[in-house]
C-alpha atoms as a PDB file:
ATOM      1  CA  MET A   1     -20.357  66.663 -74.093  1.00  0.00           C
ATOM      2  CA  THR A   2     -16.764  65.560 -74.585  1.00  0.00           C
ATOM      3  CA  VAL A   3     -13.654  67.145 -76.027  1.00  0.00           C
ATOM      4  CA  GLU A   4     -12.226  65.352 -79.014  1.00  0.00           C
ATOM      5  CA  TRP A   5      -8.509  64.766 -79.443  1.00  0.00           C
ATOM      6  CA  LEU A   6      -7.598  65.158 -83.103  1.00  0.00           C
ATOM      7  CA  THR A   7      -4.349  63.996 -84.650  1.00  0.00           C
ATOM      8  CA  SER A   8      -4.077  67.469 -86.160  1.00  0.00           C
ATOM      9  CA  TYR A   9      -3.452  68.730 -82.602  1.00  0.00           C
ATOM     10  CA  LYS A  10      -0.102  66.960 -82.484  1.00  0.00           C
ATOM     11  CA  ILE A  11       2.799  69.392 -82.436  1.00  0.00           C
ATOM     12  CA  GLY A  12       5.432  66.896 -83.599  1.00  0.00           C
ATOM     13  CA  ASP A  13       7.029  66.026 -80.263  1.00  0.00           C
ATOM     14  CA  ALA A  14       5.921  62.506 -79.289  1.00  0.00           C
ATOM     15  CA  GLU A  15       6.203  63.044 -75.539  1.00  0.00           C
ATOM     16  CA  VAL A  16       4.319  66.354 -75.515  1.00  0.00           C
ATOM     17  CA  ASP A  17       1.693  64.931 -77.878  1.00  0.00           C
ATOM     18  CA  ALA A  18       1.102  61.901 -75.636  1.00  0.00           C
ATOM     19  CA  MET A  19       0.754  64.097 -72.568  1.00  0.00           C
ATOM     20  CA  GLN A  20      -1.631  66.429 -74.385  1.00  0.00           C
ATOM     21  CA  GLU A  21      -3.777  63.496 -75.481  1.00  0.00           C
ATOM     22  CA  LYS A  22      -3.860  62.255 -71.881  1.00  0.00           C
ATOM     23  CA  LEU A  23      -5.036  65.697 -70.716  1.00  0.00           C
ATOM     24  CA  PHE A  24      -7.955  65.386 -73.150  1.00  0.00           C
ATOM     25  CA  ALA A  25      -8.754  61.911 -71.769  1.00  0.00           C
ATOM     26  CA  LEU A  26      -8.667  63.191 -68.178  1.00  0.00           C
ATOM     27  CA  THR A  27     -10.899  66.097 -69.169  1.00  0.00           C
ATOM     28  CA  ASN A  28     -13.389  63.654 -70.671  1.00  0.00           C
ATOM     29  CA  ALA A  29     -13.316  61.487 -67.532  1.00  0.00           C
ATOM     30  CA  PHE A  30     -14.123  64.595 -65.510  1.00  0.00           C
ATOM     31  CA  LEU A  31     -16.913  65.652 -67.875  1.00  0.00           C
ATOM     32  CA  ALA A  32     -18.466  62.182 -67.864  1.00  0.00           C
ATOM     33  CA  SER A  33     -18.888  61.879 -64.107  1.00  0.00           C
ATOM     34  CA  ASP A  34     -21.361  63.258 -61.612  1.00  0.00           C
ATOM     35  CA  ASP A  35     -19.889  61.312 -58.695  1.00  0.00           C
ATOM     36  CA  LEU A  36     -18.253  63.742 -56.262  1.00  0.00           C
ATOM     37  CA  THR A  37     -15.535  61.248 -55.288  1.00  0.00           C
ATOM     38  CA  VAL A  38     -14.607  60.694 -58.941  1.00  0.00           C
ATOM     39  CA  LEU A  39     -14.729  64.427 -59.667  1.00  0.00           C
ATOM     40  CA  ARG A  40     -12.421  65.195 -56.730  1.00  0.00           C
ATOM     41  CA  SER A  41      -9.898  62.667 -57.968  1.00  0.00           C
ATOM     42  CA  ALA A  42     -10.273  63.902 -61.555  1.00  0.00           C
ATOM     43  CA  ILE A  43      -9.538  67.531 -60.703  1.00  0.00           C
ATOM     44  CA  VAL A  44      -6.381  66.501 -58.853  1.00  0.00           C
ATOM     45  CA  SER A  45      -5.343  64.396 -61.861  1.00  0.00           C
ATOM     46  CA  LEU A  46      -6.050  67.302 -64.217  1.00  0.00           C
ATOM     47  CA  CYS A  47      -3.853  69.614 -62.129  1.00  0.00           C
ATOM     48  CA  LYS A  48      -0.978  67.127 -61.978  1.00  0.00           C
ATOM     49  CA  GLN A  49      -1.179  66.263 -65.672  1.00  0.00           C
ATOM     50  CA  ALA A  50      -1.374  69.890 -66.768  1.00  0.00           C
ATOM     51  CA  ARG A  51       1.614  70.837 -64.606  1.00  0.00           C
ATOM     52  CA  ALA A  52       3.755  67.967 -65.926  1.00  0.00           C
ATOM     53  CA  GLN A  53       2.749  68.607 -69.527  1.00  0.00           C
ATOM     54  CA  PHE A  54       3.365  72.331 -69.300  1.00  0.00           C
ATOM     55  CA  GLU A  55       6.815  71.829 -67.779  1.00  0.00           C
ATOM     56  CA  LEU A  56       7.738  69.516 -70.646  1.00  0.00           C
ATOM     57  CA  GLU A  57       6.236  71.795 -73.286  1.00  0.00           C
ATOM     58  CA  GLU A  58       7.962  74.862 -71.836  1.00  0.00           C
ATOM     59  CA  ALA A  59      11.321  73.054 -71.762  1.00  0.00           C
ATOM     60  CA  LEU A  60      10.832  72.276 -75.451  1.00  0.00           C
ATOM     61  CA  MET A  61      10.005  75.924 -76.193  1.00  0.00           C
ATOM     62  CA  ARG A  62      13.150  77.061 -74.369  1.00  0.00           C
ATOM     63  CA  ARG A  63      15.318  74.556 -76.281  1.00  0.00           C
ATOM     64  CA  LEU A  64      13.834  75.790 -79.560  1.00  0.00           C
ATOM     65  CA  ASP A  65      14.139  79.448 -78.542  1.00  0.00           C
ATOM     66  CA  PHE A  66      10.459  79.794 -79.426  1.00  0.00           C
ATOM     67  CA  ALA A  67       9.618  83.491 -79.834  1.00  0.00           C
ATOM     68  CA  GLY A  68       6.152  83.075 -78.307  1.00  0.00           C
ATOM     69  CA  PHE A  69       7.482  81.360 -75.195  1.00  0.00           C
ATOM     70  CA  GLU A  70       6.606  83.971 -72.576  1.00  0.00           C
ATOM     71  CA  ALA A  71       3.021  84.515 -73.727  1.00  0.00           C
ATOM     72  CA  HIS A  72       2.521  80.755 -73.992  1.00  0.00           C
ATOM     73  CA  ARG A  73       4.000  80.204 -70.521  1.00  0.00           C
ATOM     74  CA  VAL A  74       1.629  82.815 -69.078  1.00  0.00           C
ATOM     75  CA  GLN A  75      -1.337  80.977 -70.627  1.00  0.00           C
ATOM     76  CA  HIS A  76      -0.140  77.757 -68.993  1.00  0.00           C
ATOM     77  CA  GLN A  77       0.244  79.447 -65.618  1.00  0.00           C
ATOM     78  CA  THR A  78      -3.194  81.029 -65.881  1.00  0.00           C
ATOM     79  CA  LEU A  79      -4.826  77.652 -66.531  1.00  0.00           C
ATOM     80  CA  LEU A  80      -2.901  76.056 -63.663  1.00  0.00           C
ATOM     81  CA  ASP A  81      -3.827  78.865 -61.285  1.00  0.00           C
ATOM     82  CA  ARG A  82      -7.492  78.539 -62.207  1.00  0.00           C
ATOM     83  CA  LEU A  83      -7.435  74.736 -61.925  1.00  0.00           C
ATOM     84  CA  ILE A  84      -5.686  74.879 -58.572  1.00  0.00           C
ATOM     85  CA  GLY A  85      -8.225  77.431 -57.374  1.00  0.00           C
ATOM     86  CA  ARG A  86     -11.089  75.143 -58.350  1.00  0.00           C
ATOM     87  CA  SER A  87      -9.278  72.205 -56.729  1.00  0.00           C
ATOM     88  CA  MET A  88      -8.997  74.160 -53.480  1.00  0.00           C
ATOM     89  CA  ASP A  89     -12.723  74.893 -53.685  1.00  0.00           C
ATOM     90  CA  VAL A  90     -13.341  71.147 -54.002  1.00  0.00           C
ATOM     91  CA  GLY A  91     -11.205  70.584 -50.904  1.00  0.00           C
ATOM     92  CA  LYS A  92     -13.537  72.986 -49.068  1.00  0.00           C
ATOM     93  CA  GLY A  93     -16.565  70.983 -50.205  1.00  0.00           C
ATOM     94  CA  TYR A  94     -17.611  73.174 -53.133  1.00  0.00           C
ATOM     95  CA  MET A  95     -17.606  71.560 -56.579  1.00  0.00           C
ATOM     96  CA  ASN A  96     -18.236  73.967 -59.431  1.00  0.00           C
ATOM     97  CA  LYS A  97     -18.262  71.399 -62.219  1.00  0.00           C
ATOM     98  CA  PRO A  98     -19.655  73.798 -64.856  1.00  0.00           C
ATOM     99  CA  ALA A  99     -16.789  76.268 -64.278  1.00  0.00           C
ATOM    100  CA  ILE A 100     -14.145  73.549 -64.454  1.00  0.00           C
ATOM    101  CA  ALA A 101     -15.798  72.043 -67.529  1.00  0.00           C
ATOM    102  CA  ALA A 102     -15.884  75.428 -69.277  1.00  0.00           C
ATOM    103  CA  LEU A 103     -12.243  76.068 -68.394  1.00  0.00           C
ATOM    104  CA  MET A 104     -11.072  72.738 -69.784  1.00  0.00           C
ATOM    105  CA  ARG A 105     -13.286  72.908 -72.870  1.00  0.00           C
ATOM    106  CA  ASP A 106     -11.903  76.345 -73.688  1.00  0.00           C
ATOM    107  CA  TRP A 107      -8.373  75.035 -73.239  1.00  0.00           C
ATOM    108  CA  CYS A 108      -8.935  71.979 -75.422  1.00  0.00           C
ATOM    109  CA  GLU A 109     -10.947  73.767 -78.092  1.00  0.00           C
ATOM    110  CA  ARG A 110      -9.050  77.067 -78.263  1.00  0.00           C
ATOM    111  CA  HIS A 111      -5.539  76.919 -76.813  1.00  0.00           C
ATOM    112  CA  VAL A 112      -4.564  73.556 -78.275  1.00  0.00           C
ATOM    113  CA  PRO A 113      -5.707  74.096 -81.884  1.00  0.00           C
ATOM    114  CA  GLU A 114      -4.607  77.745 -81.977  1.00  0.00           C
ATOM    115  CA  ASP A 115      -1.667  78.395 -79.666  1.00  0.00           C
ATOM    116  CA  ASP A 116      -0.125  74.933 -79.553  1.00  0.00           C
ATOM    117  CA  ALA A 117      -0.452  74.785 -83.333  1.00  0.00           C
ATOM    118  CA  LYS A 118       1.950  77.741 -83.552  1.00  0.00           C
ATOM    119  CA  LEU A 119       4.491  75.794 -81.522  1.00  0.00           C
ATOM    120  CA  GLY A 120       3.957  72.799 -83.796  1.00  0.00           C
ATOM    121  CA  GLN A 121       4.566  74.915 -86.894  1.00  0.00           C
ATOM    122  CA  PHE A 122       7.721  76.367 -85.337  1.00  0.00           C
ATOM    123  CA  LEU A 123       8.955  72.904 -84.389  1.00  0.00           C
ATOM    124  CA  ALA A 124       8.327  71.599 -87.914  1.00  0.00           C
ATOM    125  CA  SER A 125      10.167  74.542 -89.488  1.00  0.00           C
ATOM    126  CA  SER A 126      13.126  74.133 -87.133  1.00  0.00           C
ATOM    127  CA  GLN A 127      13.371  70.403 -87.931  1.00  0.00           C
ATOM    128  CA  SER A 128      13.320  71.037 -91.684  1.00  0.00           C
ATOM    129  CA  ALA A 129      15.973  73.752 -91.483  1.00  0.00           C
END
């Protein structure tokens, strides 16, 4: 099973949108593999990509004075903490692919279309004002 990037997920900031789409692609690369070497590399890439994307997205929210910033930032930190925890498990020789897959599917299928959509709506309203 893969996660599908939809153009409706775009929030209206080209850089954030490109990074978000890449996170979906990295998630799919992870989901598609059963090779431990590939999975190890994929989890590291997921962590790095998520961190970079979240920093960019949070900078945008601060610039916009987005009212939902703190709750959104906490969601980002929670995902990063969980990803890093799973990555550390991998470093110890334990790969829990189903847990990582569920985490990333939830993120892609819930956070992006629901929570990021709110940021996109706010961005659109601030650009039209």
